[in-house]
Amino acid sequence: MNVARAIEMAFADVFRTYAELGASCVVRAWQSLPLDPVWEKLAADSKDRAFPLVDVRCGSPRFDANQRTMYSETQILCATKTDDDKNHAQIQSLYGEIQRVCDLLYAQFIAGRDGDELARFKAVLTRRTWRNVPFWRVHVGRGHGAGRHGRREHDRNSGSDAFQPKRLLTN
């Protein structure tokens, strides 16, 4: 079972469904490129990269210091072609939509009520891993060593096995 691939696919699916990215935007789940309908058309023309682009990459789950909690870091990169986005309006829009959807996932998790976005994320994750991955902790920040600035964290059950998605938005 490849949990990192499942996490990438869950984020990509939620972004394709709920973020307003535009019809030409490629959403690349790094380990599952052919699943994106826009990328599939590009592959037929022997092109791997197209813009605008949202690229989702997830690291393998690993244990934290207590050796009971596993987490995976997910990086989300938005990109546009400079010639097509000279005033950076398109990249701003992409980041805004990705941030909006990630904030919805976080807010639904904190509230303890699965909205459409979180329910879909969990459904894809479960379908791709063939099991219900415990979703106990959400950390949003800039990866390890980010310090406390720009970091939100909620732990509903410390001490249990946990899946901790981290989101890293880079330019």
N, C-alpha and C. Protein backbone atom coordinates (compact mmCIF):
# COMPACT_ATOMS: atom_id res chain seq x y z
N MET A 1 0.84 -1.17 0.00
CA MET A 1 0.00 0.00 0.00
C MET A 1 0.89 1.23 0.00
N ASN A 2 0.61 2.17 -0.87
CA ASN A 2 1.39 3.39 -1.01
C ASN A 2 0.54 4.55 -0.47
N VAL A 3 0.71 4.85 0.81
CA VAL A 3 -0.09 5.89 1.45
C VAL A 3 0.23 7.26 0.86
N ALA A 4 1.49 7.52 0.56
CA ALA A 4 1.86 8.82 -0.02
C ALA A 4 1.12 9.05 -1.34
N ARG A 5 1.06 8.03 -2.18
CA ARG A 5 0.34 8.14 -3.46
C ARG A 5 -1.14 8.41 -3.21
N ALA A 6 -1.72 7.73 -2.24
CA ALA A 6 -3.13 7.92 -1.92
C ALA A 6 -3.41 9.34 -1.44
N ILE A 7 -2.51 9.90 -0.64
CA ILE A 7 -2.67 11.27 -0.15
C ILE A 7 -2.59 12.25 -1.33
N GLU A 8 -1.62 12.03 -2.22
CA GLU A 8 -1.51 12.89 -3.41
C GLU A 8 -2.80 12.85 -4.22
N MET A 9 -3.32 11.65 -4.42
CA MET A 9 -4.53 11.49 -5.22
C MET A 9 -5.73 12.13 -4.54
N ALA A 10 -5.80 12.06 -3.21
CA ALA A 10 -6.91 12.67 -2.49
C ALA A 10 -6.88 14.19 -2.62
N PHE A 11 -5.70 14.79 -2.41
CA PHE A 11 -5.58 16.24 -2.59
C PHE A 11 -5.92 16.64 -4.03
N ALA A 12 -5.35 15.93 -5.00
CA ALA A 12 -5.59 16.27 -6.41
C ALA A 12 -7.07 16.18 -6.76
N ASP A 13 -7.73 15.14 -6.28
CA ASP A 13 -9.15 14.97 -6.56
C ASP A 13 -9.98 16.11 -5.96
N VAL A 14 -9.67 16.47 -4.74
CA VAL A 14 -10.40 17.57 -4.09
C VAL A 14 -10.12 18.89 -4.80
N PHE A 15 -8.88 19.12 -5.22
CA PHE A 15 -8.56 20.36 -5.94
C PHE A 15 -9.31 20.41 -7.27
N ARG A 16 -9.31 19.30 -8.02
CA ARG A 16 -10.01 19.27 -9.31
C ARG A 16 -11.50 19.53 -9.13
N THR A 17 -12.06 19.01 -8.05
CA THR A 17 -13.50 19.09 -7.85
C THR A 17 -13.94 20.43 -7.26
N TYR A 18 -13.20 20.97 -6.31
CA TYR A 18 -13.69 22.12 -5.54
C TYR A 18 -12.93 23.43 -5.77
N ALA A 19 -11.74 23.40 -6.33
CA ALA A 19 -11.01 24.64 -6.59
C ALA A 19 -11.33 25.12 -8.00
N GLU A 20 -11.48 26.39 -8.15
CA GLU A 20 -11.73 26.98 -9.47
C GLU A 20 -10.39 27.31 -10.11
N LEU A 21 -9.84 26.33 -10.82
CA LEU A 21 -8.49 26.45 -11.37
C LEU A 21 -8.47 26.75 -12.85
N GLY A 22 -9.59 26.61 -13.52
CA GLY A 22 -9.65 26.80 -14.96
C GLY A 22 -9.51 25.47 -15.69
N ALA A 23 -10.13 25.38 -16.83
CA ALA A 23 -10.19 24.12 -17.58
C ALA A 23 -8.83 23.64 -18.06
N SER A 24 -7.89 24.55 -18.30
CA SER A 24 -6.59 24.15 -18.85
C SER A 24 -5.56 23.81 -17.78
N CYS A 25 -5.91 23.97 -16.53
CA CYS A 25 -4.95 23.72 -15.45
C CYS A 25 -4.72 22.22 -15.25
N VAL A 26 -3.46 21.83 -15.22
CA VAL A 26 -3.08 20.46 -14.95
C VAL A 26 -2.91 20.31 -13.43
N VAL A 27 -3.55 19.30 -12.86
CA VAL A 27 -3.36 18.98 -11.44
C VAL A 27 -2.62 17.65 -11.40
N ARG A 28 -1.35 17.71 -11.06
CA ARG A 28 -0.49 16.53 -11.12
C ARG A 28 -0.33 15.91 -9.74
N ALA A 29 -0.91 14.74 -9.56
CA ALA A 29 -0.57 13.92 -8.40
C ALA A 29 0.70 13.19 -8.83
N TRP A 30 1.82 13.53 -8.23
CA TRP A 30 3.14 13.16 -8.70
C TRP A 30 3.28 11.68 -9.07
N GLN A 31 2.72 10.80 -8.27
CA GLN A 31 2.86 9.37 -8.53
C GLN A 31 1.74 8.80 -9.40
N SER A 32 0.84 9.66 -9.87
CA SER A 32 -0.33 9.20 -10.64
C SER A 32 -0.63 10.14 -11.79
N LEU A 33 0.36 10.51 -12.55
CA LEU A 33 0.18 11.51 -13.61
C LEU A 33 -0.95 11.19 -14.58
N PRO A 34 -1.08 9.97 -15.07
CA PRO A 34 -2.11 9.70 -16.08
C PRO A 34 -3.55 9.87 -15.59
N LEU A 35 -3.76 10.02 -14.30
CA LEU A 35 -5.12 10.19 -13.79
C LEU A 35 -5.69 11.58 -14.05
N ASP A 36 -4.84 12.54 -14.40
CA ASP A 36 -5.33 13.88 -14.69
C ASP A 36 -5.76 13.94 -16.15
N PRO A 37 -7.02 14.28 -16.42
CA PRO A 37 -7.51 14.27 -17.80
C PRO A 37 -6.76 15.25 -18.71
N VAL A 38 -6.33 16.39 -18.19
CA VAL A 38 -5.60 17.35 -19.00
C VAL A 38 -4.22 16.80 -19.32
N TRP A 39 -3.55 16.19 -18.32
CA TRP A 39 -2.23 15.62 -18.55
C TRP A 39 -2.30 14.47 -19.56
N GLU A 40 -3.36 13.68 -19.48
CA GLU A 40 -3.51 12.55 -20.39
C GLU A 40 -3.52 13.02 -21.85
N LYS A 41 -4.19 14.14 -22.12
CA LYS A 41 -4.20 14.70 -23.48
C LYS A 41 -2.81 15.18 -23.88
N LEU A 42 -2.08 15.77 -22.92
CA LEU A 42 -0.73 16.25 -23.21
C LEU A 42 0.21 15.09 -23.49
N ALA A 43 0.06 13.99 -22.74
CA ALA A 43 0.92 12.83 -22.92
C ALA A 43 0.77 12.26 -24.33
N ALA A 44 -0.42 12.36 -24.88
CA ALA A 44 -0.64 11.87 -26.24
C ALA A 44 0.20 12.68 -27.23
N ASP A 45 0.50 13.95 -26.88
CA ASP A 45 1.34 14.80 -27.72
C ASP A 45 2.80 14.78 -27.27
N SER A 46 3.15 13.82 -26.40
CA SER A 46 4.51 13.65 -25.87
C SER A 46 4.98 14.85 -25.07
N LYS A 47 4.06 15.51 -24.38
CA LYS A 47 4.41 16.62 -23.51
C LYS A 47 4.15 16.20 -22.07
N ASP A 48 5.11 16.44 -21.21
CA ASP A 48 4.94 16.08 -19.80
C ASP A 48 4.53 17.29 -18.97
N ARG A 49 4.94 18.44 -19.37
CA ARG A 49 4.72 19.61 -18.55
C ARG A 49 3.87 20.62 -19.28
N ALA A 50 2.90 21.14 -18.58
CA ALA A 50 2.04 22.17 -19.15
C ALA A 50 1.71 23.16 -18.05
N PHE A 51 1.34 24.34 -18.45
CA PHE A 51 1.01 25.39 -17.49
C PHE A 51 -0.34 25.98 -17.87
N PRO A 52 -1.12 26.42 -16.92
CA PRO A 52 -0.89 26.45 -15.48
C PRO A 52 -0.88 25.05 -14.87
N LEU A 53 -0.27 24.95 -13.69
CA LEU A 53 0.00 23.66 -13.09
C LEU A 53 -0.16 23.73 -11.58
N VAL A 54 -0.79 22.70 -11.02
CA VAL A 54 -0.77 22.47 -9.56
C VAL A 54 -0.16 21.09 -9.39
N ASP A 55 0.96 21.03 -8.69
CA ASP A 55 1.72 19.79 -8.52
C ASP A 55 1.64 19.37 -7.05
N VAL A 56 1.18 18.13 -6.81
CA VAL A 56 1.01 17.62 -5.44
C VAL A 56 1.99 16.47 -5.24
N ARG A 57 2.86 16.61 -4.24
CA ARG A 57 3.85 15.56 -3.93
C ARG A 57 3.83 15.28 -2.44
N CYS A 58 3.80 14.02 -2.12
CA CYS A 58 3.72 13.61 -0.72
C CYS A 58 4.88 12.68 -0.39
N GLY A 59 5.50 12.90 0.74
CA GLY A 59 6.57 12.02 1.19
C GLY A 59 6.02 10.78 1.87
N SER A 60 6.85 9.79 1.99
CA SER A 60 6.45 8.56 2.67
C SER A 60 6.16 8.84 4.13
N PRO A 61 5.17 8.14 4.70
CA PRO A 61 4.89 8.34 6.12
C PRO A 61 6.11 7.97 6.96
N ARG A 62 6.31 8.71 8.02
CA ARG A 62 7.40 8.42 8.95
C ARG A 62 6.96 8.71 10.36
N PHE A 63 7.67 8.20 11.31
CA PHE A 63 7.32 8.36 12.72
C PHE A 63 7.89 9.65 13.27
N ASP A 64 7.16 10.25 14.21
CA ASP A 64 7.70 11.42 14.90
C ASP A 64 8.45 10.94 16.14
N ALA A 65 8.80 11.85 17.04
CA ALA A 65 9.65 11.52 18.18
C ALA A 65 9.02 10.50 19.14
N ASN A 66 7.69 10.45 19.24
CA ASN A 66 7.08 9.52 20.19
C ASN A 66 7.00 8.09 19.65
N GLN A 67 7.35 7.90 18.37
CA GLN A 67 7.39 6.58 17.73
C GLN A 67 6.03 5.90 17.65
N ARG A 68 4.95 6.63 17.88
CA ARG A 68 3.60 6.09 17.74
C ARG A 68 2.80 6.84 16.69
N THR A 69 3.25 8.01 16.35
CA THR A 69 2.52 8.87 15.43
C THR A 69 3.23 8.92 14.09
N MET A 70 2.50 8.60 13.04
CA MET A 70 3.07 8.71 11.70
C MET A 70 2.49 9.94 11.02
N TYR A 71 3.31 10.56 10.19
CA TYR A 71 2.84 11.71 9.43
C TYR A 71 3.48 11.70 8.06
N SER A 72 2.86 12.40 7.17
CA SER A 72 3.39 12.57 5.82
C SER A 72 3.36 14.05 5.48
N GLU A 73 4.42 14.53 4.89
CA GLU A 73 4.46 15.91 4.44
C GLU A 73 4.03 15.97 2.98
N THR A 74 3.17 16.92 2.69
CA THR A 74 2.69 17.11 1.33
C THR A 74 3.10 18.49 0.86
N GLN A 75 3.69 18.55 -0.31
CA GLN A 75 4.07 19.82 -0.91
C GLN A 75 3.13 20.09 -2.08
N ILE A 76 2.64 21.33 -2.13
CA ILE A 76 1.74 21.73 -3.21
C ILE A 76 2.38 22.93 -3.90
N LEU A 77 2.68 22.75 -5.17
CA LEU A 77 3.33 23.80 -5.94
C LEU A 77 2.38 24.27 -7.03
N CYS A 78 2.23 25.57 -7.14
CA CYS A 78 1.47 26.17 -8.23
C CYS A 78 2.46 26.83 -9.18
N ALA A 79 2.24 26.69 -10.48
CA ALA A 79 3.17 27.27 -11.44
C ALA A 79 2.42 27.76 -12.68
N THR A 80 2.94 28.82 -13.25
CA THR A 80 2.44 29.33 -14.52
C THR A 80 3.65 29.64 -15.41
N LYS A 81 3.39 29.85 -16.67
CA LYS A 81 4.45 30.23 -17.61
C LYS A 81 4.57 31.76 -17.55
N THR A 82 5.78 32.24 -17.39
CA THR A 82 6.00 33.68 -17.22
C THR A 82 5.42 34.48 -18.39
N ASP A 83 5.61 34.00 -19.59
CA ASP A 83 5.11 34.75 -20.76
C ASP A 83 3.59 34.84 -20.78
N ASP A 84 2.92 33.86 -20.19
CA ASP A 84 1.46 33.85 -20.17
C ASP A 84 0.87 34.54 -18.95
N ASP A 85 1.70 34.85 -17.98
CA ASP A 85 1.22 35.40 -16.71
C ASP A 85 2.14 36.53 -16.25
N LYS A 86 2.33 37.52 -17.11
CA LYS A 86 3.32 38.58 -16.85
C LYS A 86 3.02 39.38 -15.59
N ASN A 87 1.76 39.59 -15.28
CA ASN A 87 1.43 40.38 -14.09
C ASN A 87 1.15 39.48 -12.87
N HIS A 88 1.33 38.16 -13.03
CA HIS A 88 1.18 37.16 -11.96
C HIS A 88 -0.25 37.05 -11.43
N ALA A 89 -1.21 37.50 -12.17
CA ALA A 89 -2.61 37.38 -11.74
C ALA A 89 -3.06 35.93 -11.71
N GLN A 90 -2.60 35.14 -12.67
CA GLN A 90 -3.01 33.73 -12.74
C GLN A 90 -2.43 32.93 -11.58
N ILE A 91 -1.16 33.15 -11.25
CA ILE A 91 -0.54 32.41 -10.15
C ILE A 91 -1.18 32.81 -8.83
N GLN A 92 -1.53 34.08 -8.69
CA GLN A 92 -2.23 34.52 -7.48
C GLN A 92 -3.56 33.82 -7.34
N SER A 93 -4.26 33.69 -8.44
CA SER A 93 -5.55 33.01 -8.42
C SER A 93 -5.40 31.53 -8.05
N LEU A 94 -4.40 30.86 -8.64
CA LEU A 94 -4.17 29.45 -8.32
C LEU A 94 -3.88 29.26 -6.84
N TYR A 95 -2.93 30.04 -6.32
CA TYR A 95 -2.60 29.93 -4.90
C TYR A 95 -3.81 30.24 -4.02
N GLY A 96 -4.58 31.24 -4.42
CA GLY A 96 -5.77 31.59 -3.64
C GLY A 96 -6.78 30.45 -3.58
N GLU A 97 -7.01 29.81 -4.71
CA GLU A 97 -7.97 28.69 -4.75
C GLU A 97 -7.46 27.48 -3.98
N ILE A 98 -6.18 27.17 -4.13
CA ILE A 98 -5.61 26.04 -3.39
C ILE A 98 -5.67 26.33 -1.90
N GLN A 99 -5.33 27.54 -1.50
CA GLN A 99 -5.39 27.91 -0.08
C GLN A 99 -6.82 27.82 0.44
N ARG A 100 -7.78 28.30 -0.37
CA ARG A 100 -9.18 28.26 0.05
C ARG A 100 -9.63 26.83 0.31
N VAL A 101 -9.30 25.92 -0.59
CA VAL A 101 -9.72 24.53 -0.43
C VAL A 101 -9.01 23.88 0.76
N CYS A 102 -7.71 24.14 0.92
CA CYS A 102 -6.99 23.60 2.08
C CYS A 102 -7.57 24.14 3.38
N ASP A 103 -7.93 25.41 3.40
CA ASP A 103 -8.55 25.99 4.59
C ASP A 103 -9.91 25.35 4.88
N LEU A 104 -10.67 25.03 3.83
CA LEU A 104 -11.94 24.33 4.03
C LEU A 104 -11.71 22.95 4.65
N LEU A 105 -10.73 22.21 4.14
CA LEU A 105 -10.41 20.90 4.72
C LEU A 105 -10.06 21.04 6.20
N TYR A 106 -9.22 22.01 6.50
CA TYR A 106 -8.78 22.25 7.88
C TYR A 106 -9.97 22.63 8.77
N ALA A 107 -10.79 23.56 8.31
CA ALA A 107 -11.92 24.03 9.12
C ALA A 107 -12.92 22.90 9.38
N GLN A 108 -13.15 22.07 8.39
CA GLN A 108 -14.07 20.94 8.57
C GLN A 108 -13.50 19.94 9.57
N PHE A 109 -12.20 19.72 9.49
CA PHE A 109 -11.55 18.82 10.44
C PHE A 109 -11.67 19.36 11.87
N ILE A 110 -11.37 20.63 12.04
CA ILE A 110 -11.42 21.26 13.37
C ILE A 110 -12.83 21.21 13.94
N ALA A 111 -13.83 21.46 13.08
CA ALA A 111 -15.23 21.47 13.53
C ALA A 111 -15.73 20.06 13.84
N GLY A 112 -15.02 19.06 13.34
CA GLY A 112 -15.46 17.68 13.57
C GLY A 112 -16.64 17.28 12.71
N ARG A 113 -16.89 18.06 11.66
CA ARG A 113 -17.99 17.75 10.74
C ARG A 113 -17.43 17.71 9.33
N ASP A 114 -17.55 16.57 8.69
CA ASP A 114 -17.05 16.44 7.33
C ASP A 114 -17.98 17.14 6.37
N GLY A 115 -17.46 18.19 5.74
CA GLY A 115 -18.19 18.81 4.64
C GLY A 115 -17.91 18.01 3.38
N ASP A 116 -18.37 18.50 2.25
CA ASP A 116 -18.16 17.80 0.98
C ASP A 116 -16.68 17.56 0.70
N GLU A 117 -15.86 18.58 0.96
CA GLU A 117 -14.44 18.49 0.64
C GLU A 117 -13.73 17.43 1.47
N LEU A 118 -13.90 17.47 2.79
CA LEU A 118 -13.21 16.51 3.66
C LEU A 118 -13.77 15.10 3.47
N ALA A 119 -15.07 14.98 3.25
CA ALA A 119 -15.66 13.66 3.01
C ALA A 119 -15.07 13.05 1.73
N ARG A 120 -14.90 13.88 0.70
CA ARG A 120 -14.32 13.37 -0.54
C ARG A 120 -12.85 13.00 -0.35
N PHE A 121 -12.10 13.85 0.36
CA PHE A 121 -10.69 13.56 0.64
C PHE A 121 -10.55 12.21 1.34
N LYS A 122 -11.34 12.01 2.38
CA LYS A 122 -11.27 10.74 3.14
C LYS A 122 -11.72 9.56 2.28
N ALA A 123 -12.72 9.76 1.44
CA ALA A 123 -13.21 8.66 0.60
C ALA A 123 -12.14 8.22 -0.40
N VAL A 124 -11.45 9.19 -1.02
CA VAL A 124 -10.39 8.84 -1.97
C VAL A 124 -9.25 8.15 -1.22
N LEU A 125 -8.89 8.67 -0.07
CA LEU A 125 -7.81 8.08 0.72
C LEU A 125 -8.15 6.64 1.11
N THR A 126 -9.36 6.43 1.56
CA THR A 126 -9.79 5.08 1.94
C THR A 126 -9.83 4.15 0.73
N ARG A 127 -10.38 4.63 -0.38
CA ARG A 127 -10.46 3.80 -1.59
C ARG A 127 -9.07 3.41 -2.10
N ARG A 128 -8.11 4.32 -2.01
CA ARG A 128 -6.78 4.07 -2.55
C ARG A 128 -5.89 3.27 -1.60
N THR A 129 -6.24 3.23 -0.31
CA THR A 129 -5.42 2.46 0.65
C THR A 129 -6.13 1.20 1.11
N TRP A 130 -7.37 1.04 0.74
CA TRP A 130 -8.21 -0.10 1.14
C TRP A 130 -8.40 -0.20 2.64
N ARG A 131 -8.25 0.91 3.31
CA ARG A 131 -8.52 0.93 4.75
C ARG A 131 -8.79 2.37 5.17
N ASN A 132 -9.36 2.51 6.32
CA ASN A 132 -9.65 3.83 6.85
C ASN A 132 -8.40 4.34 7.57
N VAL A 133 -7.71 5.29 6.97
CA VAL A 133 -6.52 5.86 7.58
C VAL A 133 -6.96 6.79 8.70
N PRO A 134 -6.48 6.57 9.92
CA PRO A 134 -6.88 7.46 11.02
C PRO A 134 -6.48 8.90 10.70
N PHE A 135 -7.38 9.79 10.89
CA PHE A 135 -7.16 11.19 10.55
C PHE A 135 -7.33 11.99 11.83
N TRP A 136 -6.32 11.99 12.66
CA TRP A 136 -6.47 12.60 13.98
C TRP A 136 -5.84 13.96 14.12
N ARG A 137 -4.88 14.29 13.31
CA ARG A 137 -4.14 15.52 13.54
C ARG A 137 -3.91 16.24 12.23
N VAL A 138 -4.07 17.53 12.25
CA VAL A 138 -3.79 18.34 11.08
C VAL A 138 -2.80 19.42 11.48
N HIS A 139 -1.75 19.53 10.73
CA HIS A 139 -0.74 20.56 10.94
C HIS A 139 -0.57 21.30 9.63
N VAL A 140 -0.68 22.59 9.68
CA VAL A 140 -0.52 23.39 8.48
C VAL A 140 0.64 24.32 8.72
N GLY A 141 1.67 24.23 7.89
CA GLY A 141 2.82 25.09 8.11
C GLY A 141 3.82 24.97 6.99
N ARG A 142 5.05 25.23 7.32
CA ARG A 142 6.10 25.24 6.32
C ARG A 142 7.09 24.11 6.52
N GLY A 143 6.61 22.94 6.89
CA GLY A 143 7.49 21.80 7.05
C GLY A 143 8.22 21.84 8.37
N HIS A 144 9.14 20.92 8.55
CA HIS A 144 9.91 20.86 9.79
C HIS A 144 10.73 22.13 9.97
N GLY A 145 10.88 22.54 11.20
CA GLY A 145 11.69 23.70 11.50
C GLY A 145 10.99 25.01 11.21
N ALA A 146 9.69 24.98 11.00
CA ALA A 146 8.97 26.21 10.64
C ALA A 146 8.78 27.12 11.84
N GLY A 147 8.95 26.59 13.04
CA GLY A 147 8.70 27.40 14.21
C GLY A 147 7.22 27.60 14.43
N ARG A 148 6.85 28.54 15.24
CA ARG A 148 5.45 28.73 15.57
C ARG A 148 4.75 29.71 14.64
N HIS A 149 5.48 30.48 13.90
CA HIS A 149 4.84 31.48 13.03
C HIS A 149 4.19 30.81 11.84
N GLY A 150 2.96 31.16 11.57
CA GLY A 150 2.25 30.60 10.43
C GLY A 150 1.85 29.15 10.63
N ARG A 151 1.79 28.70 11.86
CA ARG A 151 1.52 27.29 12.12
C ARG A 151 0.23 27.15 12.91
N ARG A 152 -0.66 26.29 12.42
CA ARG A 152 -1.88 25.97 13.15
C ARG A 152 -1.86 24.48 13.39
N GLU A 153 -2.29 24.07 14.54
CA GLU A 153 -2.22 22.65 14.84
C GLU A 153 -3.40 22.27 15.72
N HIS A 154 -3.91 21.08 15.51
CA HIS A 154 -4.98 20.56 16.35
C HIS A 154 -4.78 19.07 16.50
N ASP A 155 -4.85 18.57 17.70
CA ASP A 155 -4.66 17.16 17.95
C ASP A 155 -5.86 16.66 18.73
N ARG A 156 -6.67 15.80 18.10
CA ARG A 156 -7.87 15.30 18.76
C ARG A 156 -7.60 14.09 19.64
N ASN A 157 -6.49 13.42 19.46
CA ASN A 157 -6.25 12.21 20.24
C ASN A 157 -4.76 11.92 20.25
N SER A 158 -4.01 12.66 21.05
CA SER A 158 -2.58 12.40 21.07
C SER A 158 -2.33 11.02 21.65
N GLY A 159 -1.33 10.36 21.15
CA GLY A 159 -1.01 9.02 21.61
C GLY A 159 -1.57 7.94 20.71
N SER A 160 -2.48 8.28 19.81
CA SER A 160 -2.98 7.26 18.89
C SER A 160 -2.19 7.36 17.59
N ASP A 161 -2.29 6.32 16.78
CA ASP A 161 -1.69 6.41 15.46
C ASP A 161 -2.37 7.55 14.73
N ALA A 162 -1.61 8.40 14.10
CA ALA A 162 -2.19 9.58 13.48
C ALA A 162 -1.62 9.82 12.11
N PHE A 163 -2.41 10.37 11.26
CA PHE A 163 -1.98 10.83 9.94
C PHE A 163 -1.91 12.33 10.04
N GLN A 164 -0.77 12.91 9.74
CA GLN A 164 -0.60 14.34 9.87
C GLN A 164 -0.23 14.94 8.53
N PRO A 165 -1.21 15.45 7.79
CA PRO A 165 -0.84 16.08 6.53
C PRO A 165 -0.20 17.43 6.80
N LYS A 166 0.89 17.69 6.14
CA LYS A 166 1.49 19.01 6.20
C LYS A 166 1.43 19.58 4.80
N ARG A 167 1.15 20.80 4.71
CA ARG A 167 1.03 21.43 3.41
C ARG A 167 2.15 22.46 3.29
N LEU A 168 2.87 22.43 2.21
CA LEU A 168 3.94 23.39 1.96
C LEU A 168 3.63 24.06 0.65
N LEU A 169 3.27 25.32 0.70
CA LEU A 169 2.97 26.07 -0.51
C LEU A 169 4.22 26.84 -0.88
N THR A 170 4.79 26.56 -2.03
CA THR A 170 6.01 27.22 -2.44
C THR A 170 5.79 27.89 -3.79
N ASN A 171 6.62 28.83 -4.10
CA ASN A 171 6.53 29.51 -5.38
C ASN A 171 7.75 29.20 -6.21
